Protein backbone atom coordinates (compact mmCIF):
# COMPACT_ATOMS: atom_id res chain seq x y z
CA MET A 1 45.39 81.00 17.72
CA SER A 2 45.45 81.09 13.91
CA GLU A 3 42.96 78.20 13.75
CA TYR A 4 40.50 80.15 15.88
CA VAL A 5 40.74 83.24 13.71
CA GLN A 6 40.42 81.14 10.58
CA SER A 7 37.24 79.46 11.80
CA GLN A 8 35.71 82.87 12.63
CA GLU A 9 36.49 84.07 9.10
CA ASN A 10 34.76 80.99 7.65
CA ASN A 11 31.68 81.69 9.80
CA VAL A 12 31.55 85.29 8.62
CA GLN A 13 31.81 84.19 4.99
CA SER A 14 29.08 81.57 5.37
CA ASN A 15 26.81 84.10 7.14
CA GLN A 16 27.32 86.58 4.33
CA SER A 17 26.46 84.00 1.69
CA GLU A 18 23.29 82.98 3.58
CA SER A 19 22.16 86.58 4.02
CA GLN A 20 22.59 87.26 0.31
CA GLN A 21 19.91 84.77 -0.69
CA ILE A 22 16.82 86.06 -2.48
CA LEU A 23 13.28 84.88 -1.78
CA VAL A 24 12.11 83.34 -5.04
CA ASN A 25 8.76 81.79 -4.15
CA HIS A 26 6.60 82.30 -1.06
CA THR A 27 3.66 79.96 -0.46
CA GLU A 28 1.18 79.46 2.34
CA GLN A 29 0.06 75.99 3.27
CA TYR A 30 -2.69 74.91 5.65
CA VAL A 31 -2.14 71.74 7.67
CA SER A 32 -4.41 70.03 10.16
CA LYS A 33 -3.95 71.30 13.69
CA ALA A 34 -2.71 68.65 16.13
CA ALA A 35 -4.90 67.95 19.16
CA GLY A 36 -3.09 68.76 22.39
CA PHE A 37 -3.00 67.06 25.76
CA TRP A 38 -6.03 68.64 27.44
CA ILE A 39 -8.55 68.11 24.66
CA ARG A 40 -7.40 64.50 24.33
CA PHE A 41 -7.63 64.12 28.12
CA TRP A 42 -11.24 65.30 28.19
CA ALA A 43 -12.17 63.13 25.20
CA TYR A 44 -10.64 60.11 26.98
CA THR A 45 -12.58 61.01 30.14
CA VAL A 46 -15.85 61.01 28.16
CA ASP A 47 -14.89 57.62 26.70
CA LEU A 48 -14.28 56.26 30.19
CA LEU A 49 -17.72 57.56 31.23
CA VAL A 50 -19.29 55.79 28.23
CA LEU A 51 -17.50 52.55 29.12
CA ALA A 52 -18.44 52.85 32.80
CA SER A 53 -22.07 53.33 31.76
CA ILE A 54 -21.94 50.19 29.63
CA GLY A 55 -20.46 48.34 32.59
CA MET A 56 -23.06 49.57 35.03
CA LEU A 57 -26.09 49.26 32.75
CA LEU A 58 -25.29 45.99 30.96
CA ILE A 59 -22.51 43.91 32.45
CA LYS A 60 -23.22 44.19 36.19
CA PRO A 61 -26.96 43.43 35.86
CA ILE A 62 -26.18 40.33 33.78
CA PHE A 63 -23.63 39.15 36.35
CA ARG A 64 -26.11 39.74 39.19
CA LEU A 65 -28.88 38.03 37.24
CA PHE A 66 -26.77 34.85 37.02
CA SER A 67 -25.33 35.29 40.56
CA LEU A 68 -21.75 35.59 39.29
CA ASP A 69 -19.00 37.14 41.40
CA ILE A 70 -18.29 40.80 40.52
CA ASN A 71 -15.84 41.64 43.31
CA ASN A 72 -13.13 39.06 42.54
CA PRO A 73 -9.90 41.12 42.45
CA SER A 74 -7.87 38.79 40.22
CA TRP A 75 -7.15 39.92 36.66
CA TYR A 76 -8.46 36.68 35.15
CA ALA A 77 -11.87 36.90 36.85
CA PRO A 78 -14.76 36.75 34.35
CA PHE A 79 -15.88 40.30 35.16
CA ALA A 80 -12.35 41.68 34.63
CA VAL A 81 -11.91 39.78 31.35
CA ILE A 82 -15.26 40.94 29.98
CA THR A 83 -14.73 44.59 30.95
CA ALA A 84 -11.20 44.57 29.48
CA THR A 85 -12.55 43.06 26.25
CA ILE A 86 -15.24 45.73 26.03
CA PHE A 87 -12.70 48.48 26.87
CA TYR A 88 -10.21 47.53 24.15
CA GLY A 89 -12.93 46.45 21.72
CA TYR A 90 -14.64 49.84 22.03
CA PHE A 91 -11.46 51.75 21.18
CA ILE A 92 -10.46 49.37 18.37
CA VAL A 93 -13.85 49.20 16.63
CA MET A 94 -14.71 52.90 16.99
CA THR A 95 -11.28 54.04 15.79
CA LYS A 96 -11.33 51.68 12.79
CA LEU A 97 -14.89 52.40 11.68
CA CYS A 98 -15.19 56.11 12.53
CA ASN A 99 -11.56 57.26 13.08
CA GLN A 100 -12.79 58.54 16.43
CA THR A 101 -14.49 57.44 19.61
CA VAL A 102 -17.56 59.07 21.16
CA GLY A 103 -15.33 61.35 23.26
CA LYS A 104 -13.36 62.41 20.21
CA MET A 105 -16.60 63.04 18.31
CA ILE A 106 -17.86 65.34 21.06
CA PHE A 107 -14.63 67.37 21.08
CA GLY A 108 -14.18 67.37 17.29
CA ILE A 109 -10.90 65.46 17.04
CA ARG A 110 -10.01 62.36 15.04
CA VAL A 111 -7.22 59.86 14.50
CA ILE A 112 -5.49 59.87 11.13
CA SER A 113 -2.52 58.06 9.66
CA LYS A 114 0.66 60.11 9.30
CA ASP A 115 0.64 59.62 5.54
CA GLY A 116 -3.07 60.45 5.25
CA ALA A 117 -4.10 56.94 4.18
CA LYS A 118 -7.11 55.11 5.61
CA LEU A 119 -6.36 53.41 8.94
CA LYS A 120 -5.61 49.70 8.55
CA TRP A 121 -6.66 47.04 11.05
CA SER A 122 -3.02 46.40 11.95
CA THR A 123 -2.45 50.10 12.63
CA VAL A 124 -5.57 50.35 14.79
CA LEU A 125 -4.71 47.18 16.72
CA PHE A 126 -1.20 48.42 17.47
CA ARG A 127 -2.44 51.88 18.45
CA GLU A 128 -5.49 50.98 20.51
CA TRP A 129 -4.49 47.64 22.00
CA ILE A 130 -0.71 47.32 22.29
CA GLY A 131 -0.13 51.07 22.60
CA ARG A 132 -2.79 51.52 25.27
CA ILE A 133 -1.44 48.60 27.30
CA ILE A 134 2.01 50.21 27.21
CA SER A 135 0.52 53.58 28.17
CA VAL A 136 -1.80 52.34 30.94
CA ILE A 137 0.55 49.99 32.80
CA PRO A 138 2.88 52.61 34.35
CA PHE A 139 0.08 54.69 35.95
CA ASN A 140 -0.92 56.44 32.67
CA ILE A 141 2.30 58.50 32.74
CA PRO A 142 3.15 57.83 29.05
CA TYR A 143 0.02 59.79 28.10
CA LEU A 144 1.82 62.93 29.31
CA VAL A 145 4.19 62.64 26.32
CA VAL A 146 1.50 64.41 24.28
CA ALA A 147 2.15 67.65 26.14
CA PHE A 148 5.85 67.67 25.30
CA THR A 149 6.14 66.44 21.70
CA PRO A 150 6.04 68.98 18.86
CA ARG A 151 3.32 67.12 16.91
CA LYS A 152 1.35 66.29 20.08
CA GLN A 153 1.78 62.53 19.71
CA ALA A 154 1.50 59.97 22.50
CA ILE A 155 3.44 56.72 22.76
CA HIS A 156 0.66 54.80 21.03
CA ASP A 157 0.70 57.36 18.19
CA PHE A 158 4.43 56.80 17.70
CA ILE A 159 3.94 53.02 17.71
CA ALA A 160 1.24 53.13 15.03
CA ASP A 161 2.44 56.16 12.99
CA THR A 162 -0.76 58.08 13.64
CA LYS A 163 -1.70 61.49 14.94
CA VAL A 164 -4.80 63.06 16.44
CA ILE A 165 -6.03 66.25 14.77
CA HIS A 166 -8.83 68.79 15.13
CA GLU A 167 -11.48 68.26 12.47
CA GLY A 168 -12.12 71.89 11.54
CA ALA A 169 -8.95 73.71 12.62
CA TYR A 170 -5.84 74.30 10.58
CA ASP A 171 -2.43 75.80 11.16
CA LYS A 172 -1.03 78.15 8.54
CA LYS A 173 2.54 77.36 7.54
CA GLN A 174 4.54 79.62 5.33
CA LYS A 175 7.16 78.21 3.03
CA GLY A 176 9.74 80.23 1.22
CA PHE A 177 12.16 79.05 -1.39
CA TYR A 178 15.46 80.90 -1.38
CA GLU A 179 18.00 81.14 -4.12
CA LYS A 180 21.51 82.53 -4.10
CA PRO A 181 21.80 85.44 -6.54
CA ASN A 182 24.25 85.12 -9.37
CA THR A 183 27.39 87.18 -9.03
CA ALA A 184 29.03 88.96 -11.91
CA LYS A 185 31.76 86.30 -12.02
CA GLU A 186 29.18 83.48 -12.27
CA LEU A 187 27.29 85.33 -15.00
CA GLN A 188 30.52 85.84 -16.90
CA GLU A 189 31.34 82.14 -16.64
CA GLN A 190 27.90 81.31 -18.04
CA ASN A 191 28.55 83.74 -20.95
CA VAL A 192 25.51 85.84 -20.11
CA PHE A 193 27.28 89.13 -20.88
């Protein structure tokens, strides 16, 4: 019983010391707003439409011109290999050169490194190739992680240490620096009086 009372007294003392702090400096900081699940979903949908258009307008006519099989269901079929190469190549090249794909451009979002540095080839390859394979294989379910993480990051963002932000939108964060006021005893020990 005495231990319980003693711990409550310690909590009261610590709460009193925290509440006696004085705000010394208050600053406002603007940080890039993270792009959420829905805007990233629609940007990805536009990218899939762009890729489907490339497939329908370029790849299928070439295959039909040379009488090559388009309907072979195996993953190593020439049509599947070429479309997969174009799919991953599109995301890798566009993200490296522009920091965004066509879908991201339309919706005003871009990929940046967590530390703000320029995206490296290794970062882009891990994000757009390895990360997308991990995200696509189990029925695209890992993409839903964006909706539940505080910084709106997907699995491929965590792998590559990147984040997707809005280009022209910022969140306002307020920072305050608190200091414990000097008591009379502390001032006396410092020979202020």
